[in-house]
Protein backbone atom coordinates (compact mmCIF):
# COMPACT_ATOMS: atom_id res chain seq x y z
CA MET A 1 -2.66 -0.99 85.06
CA LYS A 2 -1.12 2.41 84.77
CA ILE A 3 2.26 3.27 86.17
CA LYS A 4 3.76 6.69 86.81
CA GLN A 5 6.52 8.03 84.63
CA LEU A 6 8.52 11.22 85.03
CA SER A 7 9.23 13.40 82.00
CA LEU A 8 12.10 15.77 82.58
CA PHE A 9 12.72 18.65 80.19
CA LEU A 10 16.42 19.40 79.77
CA GLU A 11 18.28 22.07 77.89
CA ASN A 12 20.36 20.43 75.20
CA THR A 13 23.69 21.49 76.70
CA SER A 14 26.74 19.57 77.84
CA GLY A 15 26.43 18.21 81.37
CA ARG A 16 22.72 18.84 81.87
CA LEU A 17 21.83 15.13 81.73
CA VAL A 18 24.53 14.04 84.17
CA ASP A 19 23.58 16.85 86.57
CA ALA A 20 19.95 15.72 86.72
CA LEU A 21 20.76 12.02 86.99
CA SER A 22 23.39 12.68 89.67
CA LEU A 23 20.69 14.21 91.86
CA LEU A 24 18.72 10.99 91.60
CA GLY A 25 21.74 8.77 92.16
CA ASP A 26 22.82 10.76 95.22
CA ALA A 27 19.29 10.31 96.63
CA ARG A 28 19.46 6.54 96.02
CA ILE A 29 16.72 6.70 93.37
CA ASN A 30 16.98 3.68 91.11
CA ILE A 31 16.18 4.19 87.43
CA ARG A 32 14.35 1.15 86.06
CA ALA A 33 13.82 2.42 82.50
CA LEU A 34 14.58 5.54 80.54
CA SER A 35 14.21 7.12 77.16
CA LEU A 36 15.89 10.28 75.92
CA SER A 37 14.80 12.19 72.85
CA ASP A 38 16.06 15.54 71.74
CA THR A 39 15.76 18.49 69.44
CA SER A 40 18.41 21.09 68.80
CA ASP A 41 17.30 23.08 71.86
CA PHE A 42 16.02 20.64 74.48
CA GLY A 43 15.59 17.01 75.38
CA ILE A 44 12.86 14.99 77.05
CA LEU A 45 14.08 12.38 79.50
CA ARG A 46 11.39 9.86 80.38
CA LEU A 47 12.05 7.82 83.51
CA ILE A 48 10.52 4.94 85.42
CA VAL A 49 12.04 5.04 88.91
CA ASN A 50 11.66 3.15 92.16
CA ASP A 51 10.35 6.22 94.06
CA VAL A 52 8.43 8.58 91.79
CA ASP A 53 7.35 11.06 94.44
CA LYS A 54 10.82 11.44 95.93
CA ALA A 55 12.42 11.83 92.49
CA TYR A 56 9.80 14.40 91.48
CA GLN A 57 10.41 16.43 94.64
CA ILE A 58 14.19 16.35 94.30
CA LEU A 59 14.08 17.49 90.69
CA THR A 60 11.47 20.20 91.16
CA ASP A 61 13.36 21.52 94.21
CA LYS A 62 16.32 22.06 91.86
CA HIS A 63 14.04 23.91 89.39
CA TYR A 64 13.81 21.23 86.73
CA THR A 65 10.60 21.09 84.74
CA VAL A 66 9.14 17.67 85.50
CA LEU A 67 5.80 16.12 84.64
CA LYS A 68 4.23 12.97 86.05
CA SER A 69 2.21 10.98 83.56
CA ASP A 70 0.60 7.59 83.23
CA VAL A 71 2.08 4.91 81.01
CA VAL A 72 1.48 1.20 80.54
CA ALA A 73 4.13 -1.49 80.90
CA VAL A 74 3.65 -4.60 78.78
CA GLU A 75 5.68 -7.78 79.16
CA VAL A 76 6.38 -9.74 75.99
CA GLU A 77 8.63 -12.55 74.96
CA ASP A 78 12.00 -11.20 73.79
CA ARG A 79 11.78 -12.35 70.18
CA PRO A 80 11.54 -10.82 66.72
CA GLY A 81 8.04 -9.57 66.01
CA ALA A 82 6.79 -9.32 69.60
CA LEU A 83 6.44 -5.53 69.39
CA VAL A 84 4.65 -5.82 66.04
CA ASP A 85 2.15 -8.25 67.60
CA ILE A 86 1.25 -5.67 70.25
CA LEU A 87 1.12 -2.84 67.71
CA ARG A 88 -1.29 -4.83 65.51
CA ILE A 89 -3.65 -5.32 68.46
CA LEU A 90 -3.57 -1.57 69.08
CA LYS A 91 -4.00 -0.72 65.39
CA ASP A 92 -6.99 -3.03 65.05
CA ALA A 93 -8.60 -1.29 68.04
CA GLU A 94 -7.75 2.15 66.56
CA ILE A 95 -5.59 3.11 69.52
CA ASN A 96 -2.88 5.65 68.76
CA VAL A 97 0.55 5.07 70.29
CA GLU A 98 1.94 8.45 71.30
CA TYR A 99 5.33 6.94 72.14
CA THR A 100 6.97 3.75 73.29
CA TYR A 101 10.32 2.53 74.55
CA ALA A 102 11.58 -0.83 75.69
CA PHE A 103 14.13 -2.72 77.72
CA VAL A 104 15.04 -6.37 78.23
CA GLU A 105 14.77 -8.06 81.61
CA ARG A 106 17.86 -9.42 83.32
CA GLY A 107 17.33 -12.99 82.18
CA GLY A 108 16.93 -11.87 78.58
CA GLU A 109 13.83 -13.96 77.95
CA GLN A 110 11.29 -11.19 78.39
CA ALA A 111 11.14 -7.60 77.22
CA ILE A 112 9.17 -4.78 78.76
CA LEU A 113 7.52 -2.24 76.50
CA ILE A 114 6.45 1.11 77.92
CA PHE A 115 3.54 2.77 76.10
CA ARG A 116 1.66 6.04 76.16
CA PHE A 117 -1.67 5.90 74.29
CA ASP A 118 -4.09 8.60 73.21
CA ASP A 119 -6.75 6.71 75.20
CA MET A 120 -5.08 4.99 78.14
CA GLU A 121 -8.20 3.28 79.49
CA LYS A 122 -9.16 1.81 76.12
CA GLY A 123 -5.58 0.67 75.52
CA ILE A 124 -5.48 -1.15 78.84
CA ARG A 125 -8.87 -2.74 78.27
CA VAL A 126 -7.98 -3.94 74.75
CA LEU A 127 -4.60 -5.37 75.75
CA GLN A 128 -6.02 -7.17 78.77
CA GLY A 129 -8.84 -8.52 76.61
CA LYS A 130 -6.24 -10.05 74.28
CA GLY A 131 -4.41 -11.69 77.19
CA VAL A 132 -1.38 -9.39 77.05
CA THR A 133 0.57 -9.24 80.32
CA LEU A 134 0.47 -5.77 81.86
CA LEU A 135 2.82 -5.01 84.73
CA THR A 136 2.27 -3.01 87.88
CA ALA A 137 4.69 -0.28 88.91
CA ASP A 138 6.21 -2.59 91.53
CA GLN A 139 6.81 -5.30 88.95
CA VAL A 140 8.64 -2.87 86.66
CA ARG A 141 10.67 -1.47 89.56
CA THR A 142 11.86 -4.87 90.80
CA ARG A 143 12.75 -6.65 87.58
């Protein structure tokens, strides 16, 4: 089960992040998960939002560089070692993790891991074959 993620490229300057996120907030776009990484010149903001197409349009209309990509959301118990368990499954199947980020659900009992693999189809197949819970976009957006 793939879900859509937005990757927004931002100049690494004061106020650029708040400007972009204000556009989404003003449009009533709800951010369900995010990750921000940076270099000295630019940052990459990865977002899971409740309305991908609307967010994409708003940002591109304001001349932001935005990419849509597929990621996988995995639900695990919020406990030490849960991420390692998933990573071992992927390692054993020789699936490369390009990046990952995580957040904890409201109740605090489950965590959601967002993954991008070098081979998305194989990653999904392997995880499902091991009984790992994969989430749909709607499940990520409503938790």
